[in-house]
Structure formats: C-alpha cells, structure tokens
Amino acid sequence: MSSTAFETRAKALLQVYKGTALQERWAEATSFGAAKQAKAFWIRDSEDVVNIVWLNEDGIRDITWLPDTNESMFNFLRLKNIATFEIRESEGVTSSLRLGVEGHLVVHVVVPAQHGQIYWVANTENEVRELQTFLKAVLGEYAHTP
C-alpha cells in the first residue's frame, strides 16, 4: 500500500462527507509530523461509522465519525505507548462489547490509560480482509519498537 493510494482514498471519502466533523478531525490529524504519509492504512465507510486509520513513522493516527450522533474523534498513538493488542472475531462480537457499531472482527488497541481505548471494527468481508492486512503491518512495526 502506498501513501498515494491512501491519500486518494481518504480524499475521496472526505469529499463524500464534505461539511462534517470528519474533515475537521482530518485537518487535526494531518497538521503535524508525518501527516498524510502512510506505511499502511485501513478505512471503514459504513452507515454506523466512518474510520480512517493509518500508520506512519510517527505512530498511528485514527479519525472516526459516527454519522448518527455526529460524534467525531481523533487519536494519535505512538507505537511505544501501546501495551498490547486484543483481537476478537465472531458473528456479532460487538454486541457483547457494547461498541455501538456492527462488526465481526474487533481489534482492541490496549493503552495504559483509563480513557481513550481504541477499537477497530470490521463488519464486511472486505473490511475484515483490509483490517487484517493493516494489523499485520502495525504488528510488524510494533514488534520492532523499543
């Protein structure tokens, strides 16, 4: 996956959701450091959540927008600040976790903090495949982080 492919997909998605808080979170996420450069990325665009997540030399940037409530979030996480990863997969697994979005594959990025936990949730076969590819790239970088 190239940084160009990432930017192309992200910009197309931002155009679809022009005028939403997703654009504001994108502006925050790309205002510093390695910004839009991506070693790997994962994007979910569904009725219940829009998620753009990318890995670069600085760490992981994660922007999320919930269309129903118009809630939006931006998280920036350095790989050295991740305690571990928890991966859960089963039909409807998100209902037991009360995440508010549908999904069959959940990646919980565990950080040593009370608040600010990060979840990546894939629901369709394509989302699952792309999330698994992204996760492999993240774990590869994480394994080599001092």
C-alpha atoms as a PDB file:
ATOM      1  CA  MET A   1       0.000   0.000   0.000  1.00  0.00           C
ATOM      2  CA  SER A   2       1.359   3.367  -0.914  1.00  0.00           C
ATOM      3  CA  SER A   3       0.952   6.765   0.620  1.00  0.00           C
ATOM      4  CA  THR A   4      -0.543   7.928  -2.694  1.00  0.00           C
ATOM      5  CA  ALA A   5      -3.231   5.219  -2.583  1.00  0.00           C
ATOM      6  CA  PHE A   6      -4.022   6.249   0.973  1.00  0.00           C
ATOM      7  CA  GLU A   7      -4.348   9.925   0.127  1.00  0.00           C
ATOM      8  CA  THR A   8      -6.515   9.170  -2.900  1.00  0.00           C
ATOM      9  CA  ARG A   9      -8.954   7.028  -0.901  1.00  0.00           C
ATOM     10  CA  ALA A  10      -9.030   9.391   2.068  1.00  0.00           C
ATOM     11  CA  LYS A  11      -9.635  12.483  -0.059  1.00  0.00           C
ATOM     12  CA  ALA A  12     -12.443  10.744  -1.964  1.00  0.00           C
ATOM     13  CA  LEU A  13     -14.086   9.792   1.321  1.00  0.00           C
ATOM     14  CA  LEU A  14     -13.672  13.301   2.729  1.00  0.00           C
ATOM     15  CA  GLN A  15     -15.356  14.670  -0.389  1.00  0.00           C
ATOM     16  CA  VAL A  16     -18.343  12.371   0.175  1.00  0.00           C
ATOM     17  CA  TYR A  17     -18.650  13.642   3.756  1.00  0.00           C
ATOM     18  CA  LYS A  18     -17.855  17.262   2.974  1.00  0.00           C
ATOM     19  CA  GLY A  19     -19.013  19.635   5.711  1.00  0.00           C
ATOM     20  CA  THR A  20     -18.902  17.040   8.501  1.00  0.00           C
ATOM     21  CA  ALA A  21     -16.700  16.843  11.573  1.00  0.00           C
ATOM     22  CA  LEU A  22     -14.709  14.122   9.792  1.00  0.00           C
ATOM     23  CA  GLN A  23     -12.981  16.879   7.807  1.00  0.00           C
ATOM     24  CA  GLU A  24     -12.094  18.753  10.994  1.00  0.00           C
ATOM     25  CA  ARG A  25     -10.528  15.631  12.526  1.00  0.00           C
ATOM     26  CA  TRP A  26      -8.603  15.045   9.258  1.00  0.00           C
ATOM     27  CA  ALA A  27      -7.220  18.590   9.443  1.00  0.00           C
ATOM     28  CA  GLU A  28      -6.047  17.955  13.018  1.00  0.00           C
ATOM     29  CA  ALA A  29      -4.536  14.579  12.188  1.00  0.00           C
ATOM     30  CA  THR A  30      -2.592  15.905   9.217  1.00  0.00           C
ATOM     31  CA  SER A  31      -1.376  19.140  10.816  1.00  0.00           C
ATOM     32  CA  PHE A  32       1.849  17.776  12.304  1.00  0.00           C
ATOM     33  CA  GLY A  33       4.691  15.335  11.893  1.00  0.00           C
ATOM     34  CA  ALA A  34       4.433  12.733   9.140  1.00  0.00           C
ATOM     35  CA  ALA A  35       0.856  13.908   8.478  1.00  0.00           C
ATOM     36  CA  LYS A  36      -0.632  12.137   5.420  1.00  0.00           C
ATOM     37  CA  GLN A  37       2.285   9.782   4.835  1.00  0.00           C
ATOM     38  CA  ALA A  38       1.134   6.198   5.296  1.00  0.00           C
ATOM     39  CA  LYS A  39       3.077   2.958   5.541  1.00  0.00           C
ATOM     40  CA  ALA A  40      -0.268   1.161   5.865  1.00  0.00           C
ATOM     41  CA  PHE A  41      -3.892   2.172   6.316  1.00  0.00           C
ATOM     42  CA  TRP A  42      -7.393   0.897   6.961  1.00  0.00           C
ATOM     43  CA  ILE A  43     -10.653   2.628   6.078  1.00  0.00           C
ATOM     44  CA  ARG A  44     -14.193   1.700   7.061  1.00  0.00           C
ATOM     45  CA  ASP A  45     -17.081   3.560   5.462  1.00  0.00           C
ATOM     46  CA  SER A  46     -20.453   2.281   6.662  1.00  0.00           C
ATOM     47  CA  GLU A  47     -23.797   3.613   7.843  1.00  0.00           C
ATOM     48  CA  ASP A  48     -22.811   3.432  11.510  1.00  0.00           C
ATOM     49  CA  VAL A  49     -19.155   4.534  11.427  1.00  0.00           C
ATOM     50  CA  VAL A  50     -16.547   6.113   9.197  1.00  0.00           C
ATOM     51  CA  ASN A  51     -12.997   5.307  10.281  1.00  0.00           C
ATOM     52  CA  ILE A  52      -9.708   6.348   8.663  1.00  0.00           C
ATOM     53  CA  VAL A  53      -6.646   4.840  10.333  1.00  0.00           C
ATOM     54  CA  TRP A  54      -3.055   4.999   9.170  1.00  0.00           C
ATOM     55  CA  LEU A  55       0.406   4.027  10.316  1.00  0.00           C
ATOM     56  CA  ASN A  56       3.414   6.202   9.580  1.00  0.00           C
ATOM     57  CA  GLU A  57       6.823   6.891  11.052  1.00  0.00           C
ATOM     58  CA  ASP A  58       5.289   8.908  13.934  1.00  0.00           C
ATOM     59  CA  GLY A  59       2.785   6.280  15.043  1.00  0.00           C
ATOM     60  CA  ILE A  60      -0.882   5.635  14.367  1.00  0.00           C
ATOM     61  CA  ARG A  61      -3.453   8.278  13.502  1.00  0.00           C
ATOM     62  CA  ASP A  62      -7.100   7.305  13.857  1.00  0.00           C
ATOM     63  CA  ILE A  63     -10.048   9.505  12.961  1.00  0.00           C
ATOM     64  CA  THR A  64     -13.605   8.368  13.485  1.00  0.00           C
ATOM     65  CA  TRP A  65     -17.006   9.860  12.730  1.00  0.00           C
ATOM     66  CA  LEU A  66     -20.354   8.446  13.842  1.00  0.00           C
ATOM     67  CA  PRO A  67     -22.979   9.724  11.372  1.00  0.00           C
ATOM     68  CA  ASP A  68     -25.994   9.045  13.624  1.00  0.00           C
ATOM     69  CA  THR A  69     -24.764  11.182  16.508  1.00  0.00           C
ATOM     70  CA  ASN A  70     -22.243  13.352  14.626  1.00  0.00           C
ATOM     71  CA  GLU A  71     -19.661  12.405  17.251  1.00  0.00           C
ATOM     72  CA  SER A  72     -16.100  12.536  15.979  1.00  0.00           C
ATOM     73  CA  MET A  73     -12.724  11.566  17.404  1.00  0.00           C
ATOM     74  CA  PHE A  74      -9.045  11.892  16.587  1.00  0.00           C
ATOM     75  CA  ASN A  75      -6.481   9.701  18.298  1.00  0.00           C
ATOM     76  CA  PHE A  76      -2.724   9.831  17.832  1.00  0.00           C
ATOM     77  CA  LEU A  77      -0.810   6.972  19.341  1.00  0.00           C
ATOM     78  CA  ARG A  78       2.901   6.260  19.352  1.00  0.00           C
ATOM     79  CA  LEU A  79       3.635   2.562  18.999  1.00  0.00           C
ATOM     80  CA  LYS A  80       5.781   2.596  22.168  1.00  0.00           C
ATOM     81  CA  ASN A  81       2.676   3.614  24.147  1.00  0.00           C
ATOM     82  CA  ILE A  82       0.683   0.517  23.194  1.00  0.00           C
ATOM     83  CA  ALA A  83       0.540  -2.131  25.920  1.00  0.00           C
ATOM     84  CA  THR A  84      -0.874  -4.910  23.724  1.00  0.00           C
ATOM     85  CA  PHE A  85      -3.488  -5.815  21.139  1.00  0.00           C
ATOM     86  CA  GLU A  86      -6.617  -7.885  21.696  1.00  0.00           C
ATOM     87  CA  ILE A  87      -8.273  -9.411  18.640  1.00  0.00           C
ATOM     88  CA  ARG A  88     -11.802 -10.863  18.829  1.00  0.00           C
ATOM     89  CA  GLU A  89     -13.703 -12.460  15.987  1.00  0.00           C
ATOM     90  CA  SER A  90     -17.159 -13.977  15.875  1.00  0.00           C
ATOM     91  CA  GLU A  91     -20.547 -13.207  14.407  1.00  0.00           C
ATOM     92  CA  GLY A  92     -21.901 -10.066  16.112  1.00  0.00           C
ATOM     93  CA  VAL A  93     -18.991  -9.810  18.569  1.00  0.00           C
ATOM     94  CA  THR A  94     -19.540  -6.077  19.028  1.00  0.00           C
ATOM     95  CA  SER A  95     -22.900  -6.544  20.740  1.00  0.00           C
ATOM     96  CA  SER A  96     -21.201  -8.111  23.769  1.00  0.00           C
ATOM     97  CA  LEU A  97     -18.625  -5.301  23.845  1.00  0.00           C
ATOM     98  CA  ARG A  98     -21.277  -2.568  23.569  1.00  0.00           C
ATOM     99  CA  LEU A  99     -19.314  -0.593  20.998  1.00  0.00           C
ATOM    100  CA  GLY A 100     -22.353   0.793  19.217  1.00  0.00           C
ATOM    101  CA  VAL A 101     -21.276  -0.380  15.757  1.00  0.00           C
ATOM    102  CA  GLU A 102     -21.769  -3.670  13.958  1.00  0.00           C
ATOM    103  CA  GLY A 103     -18.849  -5.977  13.363  1.00  0.00           C
ATOM    104  CA  HIS A 104     -17.407  -9.461  13.275  1.00  0.00           C
ATOM    105  CA  LEU A 105     -13.734  -8.603  13.851  1.00  0.00           C
ATOM    106  CA  VAL A 106     -12.594  -6.284  16.630  1.00  0.00           C
ATOM    107  CA  VAL A 107      -9.047  -5.127  17.218  1.00  0.00           C
ATOM    108  CA  HIS A 108      -8.693  -3.509  20.629  1.00  0.00           C
ATOM    109  CA  VAL A 109      -5.529  -1.433  20.906  1.00  0.00           C
ATOM    110  CA  VAL A 110      -4.825  -1.551  24.633  1.00  0.00           C
ATOM    111  CA  VAL A 111      -3.190   1.539  26.063  1.00  0.00           C
ATOM    112  CA  PRO A 112      -2.236   2.087  29.709  1.00  0.00           C
ATOM    113  CA  ALA A 113      -4.938   4.703  30.340  1.00  0.00           C
ATOM    114  CA  GLN A 114      -8.422   4.718  31.820  1.00  0.00           C
ATOM    115  CA  HIS A 115      -9.885   6.523  28.844  1.00  0.00           C
ATOM    116  CA  GLY A 116      -9.054   6.681  25.187  1.00  0.00           C
ATOM    117  CA  GLN A 117      -9.149   2.989  24.337  1.00  0.00           C
ATOM    118  CA  ILE A 118      -9.014   2.383  20.597  1.00  0.00           C
ATOM    119  CA  TYR A 119     -11.129  -0.162  18.730  1.00  0.00           C
ATOM    120  CA  TRP A 120     -11.049  -1.003  15.042  1.00  0.00           C
ATOM    121  CA  VAL A 121     -14.183  -2.858  13.993  1.00  0.00           C
ATOM    122  CA  ALA A 122     -14.651  -4.614  10.656  1.00  0.00           C
ATOM    123  CA  ASN A 123     -18.035  -5.892   9.542  1.00  0.00           C
ATOM    124  CA  THR A 124     -17.908  -6.922   5.879  1.00  0.00           C
ATOM    125  CA  GLU A 125     -15.571  -9.490   4.300  1.00  0.00           C
ATOM    126  CA  ASN A 126     -13.664  -6.712   2.553  1.00  0.00           C
ATOM    127  CA  GLU A 127     -13.314  -4.676   5.766  1.00  0.00           C
ATOM    128  CA  VAL A 128     -12.081  -7.772   7.614  1.00  0.00           C
ATOM    129  CA  ARG A 129      -9.513  -8.576   4.923  1.00  0.00           C
ATOM    130  CA  GLU A 130      -8.242  -4.987   4.824  1.00  0.00           C
ATOM    131  CA  LEU A 131      -8.134  -4.719   8.638  1.00  0.00           C
ATOM    132  CA  GLN A 132      -6.155  -7.947   8.887  1.00  0.00           C
ATOM    133  CA  THR A 133      -3.646  -6.621   6.339  1.00  0.00           C
ATOM    134  CA  PHE A 134      -3.356  -3.335   8.225  1.00  0.00           C
ATOM    135  CA  LEU A 135      -2.979  -5.127  11.558  1.00  0.00           C
ATOM    136  CA  LYS A 136      -0.101  -7.236  10.197  1.00  0.00           C
ATOM    137  CA  ALA A 137       1.723  -4.068   9.177  1.00  0.00           C
ATOM    138  CA  VAL A 138       1.114  -2.464  12.586  1.00  0.00           C
ATOM    139  CA  LEU A 139       2.235  -5.584  14.470  1.00  0.00           C
ATOM    140  CA  GLY A 140       5.368  -5.770  12.327  1.00  0.00           C
ATOM    141  CA  GLU A 141       6.295  -2.201  13.274  1.00  0.00           C
ATOM    142  CA  TYR A 142       5.222  -2.724  16.898  1.00  0.00           C
ATOM    143  CA  ALA A 143       7.477  -5.786  17.248  1.00  0.00           C
ATOM    144  CA  HIS A 144      10.488  -3.659  16.317  1.00  0.00           C
ATOM    145  CA  THR A 145       9.638  -0.703  18.578  1.00  0.00           C
ATOM    146  CA  PRO A 146      11.967  -0.324  21.561  1.00  0.00           C
END
